[in-house]
Amino acid sequence: MDLEKTIEFILENQAKTSAQVGEVSAQMGQLTAYVSQLQSLVGRIAQQQLELTQHMNEFQQGISAAFVALAEAQRHTDERMDALVAVVDDLVRRRPPQQ
């Protein structure tokens, strides 16, 4: 009798274990698919980050060039303003005093 109960117990446990192994195997399959999707997403994000960095560098170069051009234009404006101030100053100094 004890032998039959032991065999029955072993068979029941083996059946439960087999069912659990099946569930774990299915879950592993799902996890493998999720990891594959994540790898794909991370790859796409990395590529987009590289592209964004390249665009930012190009933008920074454009901004730097624009600042150089603006500084040059400002220098010319300052020179013209200095010339205008000198002309106006000369005109004011030559004018006879008002009575």
N, C-alpha and C. Protein backbone atom coordinates (compact mmCIF):
# COMPACT_ATOMS: atom_id res chain seq x y z
N MET A 1 0.80 -1.19 0.00
CA MET A 1 0.00 0.00 0.00
C MET A 1 0.84 1.26 0.00
N ASP A 2 1.83 1.29 0.84
CA ASP A 2 2.69 2.46 0.89
C ASP A 2 3.39 2.69 -0.44
N LEU A 3 3.72 1.63 -1.11
CA LEU A 3 4.40 1.74 -2.39
C LEU A 3 3.47 2.37 -3.43
N GLU A 4 2.22 1.98 -3.42
CA GLU A 4 1.26 2.55 -4.37
C GLU A 4 1.03 4.04 -4.10
N LYS A 5 0.94 4.44 -2.85
CA LYS A 5 0.76 5.84 -2.48
C LYS A 5 2.01 6.64 -2.86
N THR A 6 3.15 6.08 -2.68
CA THR A 6 4.40 6.77 -3.03
C THR A 6 4.48 6.96 -4.54
N ILE A 7 4.13 5.92 -5.29
CA ILE A 7 4.15 6.02 -6.75
C ILE A 7 3.12 7.05 -7.21
N GLU A 8 1.94 7.04 -6.62
CA GLU A 8 0.90 8.01 -6.97
C GLU A 8 1.36 9.44 -6.65
N PHE A 9 2.00 9.61 -5.49
CA PHE A 9 2.51 10.92 -5.09
C PHE A 9 3.58 11.40 -6.08
N ILE A 10 4.48 10.51 -6.45
CA ILE A 10 5.55 10.86 -7.40
C ILE A 10 4.95 11.23 -8.75
N LEU A 11 3.97 10.48 -9.22
CA LEU A 11 3.35 10.78 -10.51
C LEU A 11 2.61 12.12 -10.49
N GLU A 12 1.94 12.41 -9.41
CA GLU A 12 1.25 13.69 -9.28
C GLU A 12 2.25 14.86 -9.28
N ASN A 13 3.31 14.69 -8.53
CA ASN A 13 4.33 15.74 -8.47
C ASN A 13 5.01 15.91 -9.83
N GLN A 14 5.24 14.81 -10.52
CA GLN A 14 5.85 14.89 -11.84
C GLN A 14 4.92 15.61 -12.81
N ALA A 15 3.63 15.36 -12.72
CA ALA A 15 2.66 16.03 -13.58
C ALA A 15 2.63 17.53 -13.28
N LYS A 16 2.64 17.89 -11.99
CA LYS A 16 2.65 19.31 -11.61
C LYS A 16 3.93 19.98 -12.10
N THR A 17 5.04 19.28 -11.92
CA THR A 17 6.33 19.82 -12.34
C THR A 17 6.36 20.01 -13.86
N SER A 18 5.83 19.06 -14.59
CA SER A 18 5.79 19.17 -16.05
C SER A 18 4.93 20.37 -16.47
N ALA A 19 3.81 20.57 -15.79
CA ALA A 19 2.94 21.70 -16.10
C ALA A 19 3.66 23.02 -15.79
N GLN A 20 4.36 23.07 -14.67
CA GLN A 20 5.10 24.28 -14.30
C GLN A 20 6.23 24.56 -15.29
N VAL A 21 6.92 23.53 -15.74
CA VAL A 21 7.99 23.68 -16.72
C VAL A 21 7.41 24.23 -18.02
N GLY A 22 6.24 23.76 -18.41
CA GLY A 22 5.57 24.27 -19.61
C GLY A 22 5.25 25.75 -19.48
N GLU A 23 4.74 26.15 -18.30
CA GLU A 23 4.43 27.55 -18.06
C GLU A 23 5.69 28.42 -18.09
N VAL A 24 6.73 27.93 -17.46
CA VAL A 24 7.99 28.67 -17.44
C VAL A 24 8.56 28.78 -18.85
N SER A 25 8.44 27.74 -19.61
CA SER A 25 8.93 27.77 -20.99
C SER A 25 8.16 28.80 -21.82
N ALA A 26 6.86 28.86 -21.64
CA ALA A 26 6.05 29.84 -22.36
C ALA A 26 6.43 31.26 -21.94
N GLN A 27 6.63 31.45 -20.65
CA GLN A 27 7.04 32.77 -20.15
C GLN A 27 8.41 33.16 -20.68
N MET A 28 9.30 32.20 -20.78
CA MET A 28 10.64 32.48 -21.34
C MET A 28 10.53 32.91 -22.80
N GLY A 29 9.63 32.29 -23.53
CA GLY A 29 9.41 32.67 -24.91
C GLY A 29 8.92 34.11 -25.02
N GLN A 30 7.98 34.47 -24.12
CA GLN A 30 7.49 35.84 -24.11
C GLN A 30 8.60 36.83 -23.74
N LEU A 31 9.39 36.46 -22.74
CA LEU A 31 10.48 37.33 -22.33
C LEU A 31 11.51 37.51 -23.44
N THR A 32 11.78 36.44 -24.15
CA THR A 32 12.71 36.53 -25.27
C THR A 32 12.19 37.49 -26.33
N ALA A 33 10.89 37.43 -26.61
CA ALA A 33 10.29 38.35 -27.58
C ALA A 33 10.37 39.79 -27.08
N TYR A 34 10.10 39.99 -25.79
CA TYR A 34 10.17 41.34 -25.22
C TYR A 34 11.59 41.90 -25.28
N VAL A 35 12.57 41.06 -24.96
CA VAL A 35 13.97 41.49 -25.01
C VAL A 35 14.36 41.87 -26.44
N SER A 36 13.89 41.09 -27.39
CA SER A 36 14.17 41.39 -28.79
C SER A 36 13.57 42.74 -29.19
N GLN A 37 12.35 42.99 -28.76
CA GLN A 37 11.71 44.28 -29.05
C GLN A 37 12.46 45.43 -28.39
N LEU A 38 12.89 45.21 -27.14
CA LEU A 38 13.65 46.25 -26.44
C LEU A 38 14.97 46.53 -27.13
N GLN A 39 15.63 45.50 -27.59
CA GLN A 39 16.89 45.70 -28.31
C GLN A 39 16.67 46.54 -29.56
N SER A 40 15.60 46.25 -30.25
CA SER A 40 15.27 47.02 -31.45
C SER A 40 15.00 48.48 -31.11
N LEU A 41 14.22 48.71 -30.06
CA LEU A 41 13.91 50.07 -29.64
C LEU A 41 15.16 50.82 -29.19
N VAL A 42 16.00 50.17 -28.43
CA VAL A 42 17.23 50.81 -27.96
C VAL A 42 18.12 51.16 -29.15
N GLY A 43 18.18 50.28 -30.13
CA GLY A 43 18.96 50.57 -31.33
C GLY A 43 18.42 51.78 -32.07
N ARG A 44 17.10 51.86 -32.19
CA ARG A 44 16.49 53.01 -32.87
C ARG A 44 16.73 54.30 -32.08
N ILE A 45 16.61 54.22 -30.76
CA ILE A 45 16.84 55.40 -29.92
C ILE A 45 18.29 55.86 -30.05
N ALA A 46 19.22 54.91 -30.04
CA ALA A 46 20.63 55.27 -30.18
C ALA A 46 20.88 55.94 -31.52
N GLN A 47 20.30 55.43 -32.59
CA GLN A 47 20.48 56.03 -33.91
C GLN A 47 19.89 57.44 -33.94
N GLN A 48 18.71 57.61 -33.36
CA GLN A 48 18.09 58.94 -33.33
C GLN A 48 18.92 59.91 -32.49
N GLN A 49 19.52 59.39 -31.41
CA GLN A 49 20.37 60.24 -30.57
C GLN A 49 21.58 60.71 -31.36
N LEU A 50 22.18 59.82 -32.13
CA LEU A 50 23.32 60.20 -32.97
C LEU A 50 22.91 61.27 -33.99
N GLU A 51 21.76 61.07 -34.62
CA GLU A 51 21.27 62.05 -35.60
C GLU A 51 21.00 63.39 -34.94
N LEU A 52 20.40 63.35 -33.76
CA LEU A 52 20.10 64.58 -33.03
C LEU A 52 21.40 65.31 -32.66
N THR A 53 22.39 64.56 -32.23
CA THR A 53 23.67 65.16 -31.89
C THR A 53 24.30 65.81 -33.11
N GLN A 54 24.21 65.15 -34.24
CA GLN A 54 24.76 65.72 -35.48
C GLN A 54 24.02 67.00 -35.85
N HIS A 55 22.71 66.99 -35.75
CA HIS A 55 21.93 68.20 -36.07
C HIS A 55 22.26 69.33 -35.09
N MET A 56 22.43 68.98 -33.83
CA MET A 56 22.78 70.00 -32.83
C MET A 56 24.14 70.61 -33.14
N ASN A 57 25.09 69.79 -33.55
CA ASN A 57 26.42 70.30 -33.90
C ASN A 57 26.35 71.22 -35.11
N GLU A 58 25.58 70.82 -36.12
CA GLU A 58 25.41 71.66 -37.30
C GLU A 58 24.73 72.98 -36.93
N PHE A 59 23.73 72.90 -36.08
CA PHE A 59 23.02 74.10 -35.63
C PHE A 59 23.97 75.02 -34.87
N GLN A 60 24.79 74.44 -34.00
CA GLN A 60 25.75 75.23 -33.22
C GLN A 60 26.74 75.93 -34.13
N GLN A 61 27.19 75.23 -35.17
CA GLN A 61 28.11 75.85 -36.13
C GLN A 61 27.43 77.01 -36.85
N GLY A 62 26.18 76.82 -37.22
CA GLY A 62 25.42 77.89 -37.88
C GLY A 62 25.25 79.09 -36.97
N ILE A 63 24.94 78.82 -35.70
CA ILE A 63 24.77 79.91 -34.73
C ILE A 63 26.10 80.65 -34.55
N SER A 64 27.18 79.90 -34.46
CA SER A 64 28.49 80.53 -34.29
C SER A 64 28.82 81.43 -35.48
N ALA A 65 28.55 80.95 -36.68
CA ALA A 65 28.79 81.76 -37.89
C ALA A 65 27.91 83.00 -37.87
N ALA A 66 26.67 82.85 -37.45
CA ALA A 66 25.76 84.00 -37.39
C ALA A 66 26.25 85.02 -36.38
N PHE A 67 26.77 84.57 -35.24
CA PHE A 67 27.31 85.51 -34.25
C PHE A 67 28.53 86.25 -34.78
N VAL A 68 29.37 85.55 -35.52
CA VAL A 68 30.53 86.20 -36.13
C VAL A 68 30.07 87.28 -37.10
N ALA A 69 29.09 86.95 -37.95
CA ALA A 69 28.57 87.92 -38.91
C ALA A 69 27.91 89.09 -38.18
N LEU A 70 27.18 88.80 -37.12
CA LEU A 70 26.54 89.86 -36.35
C LEU A 70 27.57 90.77 -35.69
N ALA A 71 28.63 90.20 -35.15
CA ALA A 71 29.67 91.01 -34.54
C ALA A 71 30.33 91.91 -35.57
N GLU A 72 30.56 91.38 -36.76
CA GLU A 72 31.15 92.19 -37.84
C GLU A 72 30.21 93.33 -38.24
N ALA A 73 28.92 93.01 -38.36
CA ALA A 73 27.94 94.05 -38.70
C ALA A 73 27.87 95.10 -37.60
N GLN A 74 27.93 94.66 -36.36
CA GLN A 74 27.90 95.60 -35.24
C GLN A 74 29.14 96.50 -35.26
N ARG A 75 30.28 95.95 -35.63
CA ARG A 75 31.51 96.74 -35.72
C ARG A 75 31.35 97.84 -36.77
N HIS A 76 30.78 97.47 -37.93
CA HIS A 76 30.53 98.46 -38.98
C HIS A 76 29.54 99.52 -38.51
N THR A 77 28.52 99.10 -37.81
CA THR A 77 27.53 100.05 -37.29
C THR A 77 28.18 101.00 -36.29
N ASP A 78 29.02 100.47 -35.43
CA ASP A 78 29.72 101.31 -34.46
C ASP A 78 30.61 102.34 -35.17
N GLU A 79 31.31 101.90 -36.22
CA GLU A 79 32.16 102.82 -36.97
C GLU A 79 31.33 103.93 -37.60
N ARG A 80 30.21 103.60 -38.17
CA ARG A 80 29.35 104.60 -38.79
C ARG A 80 28.77 105.55 -37.74
N MET A 81 28.38 104.98 -36.60
CA MET A 81 27.82 105.81 -35.53
C MET A 81 28.89 106.76 -35.01
N ASP A 82 30.12 106.29 -34.87
CA ASP A 82 31.21 107.17 -34.41
C ASP A 82 31.42 108.30 -35.42
N ALA A 83 31.36 107.98 -36.71
CA ALA A 83 31.52 109.01 -37.74
C ALA A 83 30.39 110.02 -37.66
N LEU A 84 29.16 109.56 -37.48
CA LEU A 84 28.02 110.45 -37.37
C LEU A 84 28.14 111.35 -36.14
N VAL A 85 28.54 110.78 -35.03
CA VAL A 85 28.69 111.56 -33.80
C VAL A 85 29.76 112.63 -34.01
N ALA A 86 30.84 112.29 -34.70
CA ALA A 86 31.90 113.26 -34.97
C ALA A 86 31.38 114.40 -35.83
N VAL A 87 30.59 114.08 -36.85
CA VAL A 87 30.03 115.12 -37.73
C VAL A 87 29.09 116.02 -36.95
N VAL A 88 28.21 115.42 -36.18
CA VAL A 88 27.25 116.21 -35.40
C VAL A 88 28.00 117.06 -34.37
N ASP A 89 29.00 116.51 -33.76
CA ASP A 89 29.79 117.24 -32.77
C ASP A 89 30.46 118.45 -33.42
N ASP A 90 31.02 118.25 -34.61
CA ASP A 90 31.65 119.36 -35.33
C ASP A 90 30.61 120.44 -35.66
N LEU A 91 29.44 120.02 -36.11
CA LEU A 91 28.39 120.98 -36.44
C LEU A 91 27.95 121.78 -35.22
N VAL A 92 27.81 121.11 -34.11
CA VAL A 92 27.35 121.78 -32.89
C VAL A 92 28.41 122.75 -32.41
N ARG A 93 29.64 122.42 -32.47
CA ARG A 93 30.71 123.28 -31.97
C ARG A 93 30.92 124.52 -32.86
N ARG A 94 30.64 124.39 -34.14
CA ARG A 94 30.82 125.52 -35.06
C ARG A 94 29.66 126.50 -34.99
N ARG A 95 28.56 126.08 -34.54
CA ARG A 95 27.37 126.91 -34.51
C ARG A 95 27.59 128.09 -33.55
N PRO A 96 27.15 129.21 -33.95
CA PRO A 96 27.29 130.36 -33.02
C PRO A 96 26.35 130.17 -31.83
N PRO A 97 26.74 130.70 -30.72
CA PRO A 97 25.89 130.58 -29.53
C PRO A 97 24.54 131.24 -29.76
N GLN A 98 23.54 130.66 -29.22
CA GLN A 98 22.19 131.22 -29.39
C GLN A 98 22.00 132.38 -28.43
N GLN A 99 21.28 133.42 -28.94
CA GLN A 99 21.09 134.62 -28.11
C GLN A 99 19.68 134.76 -27.69
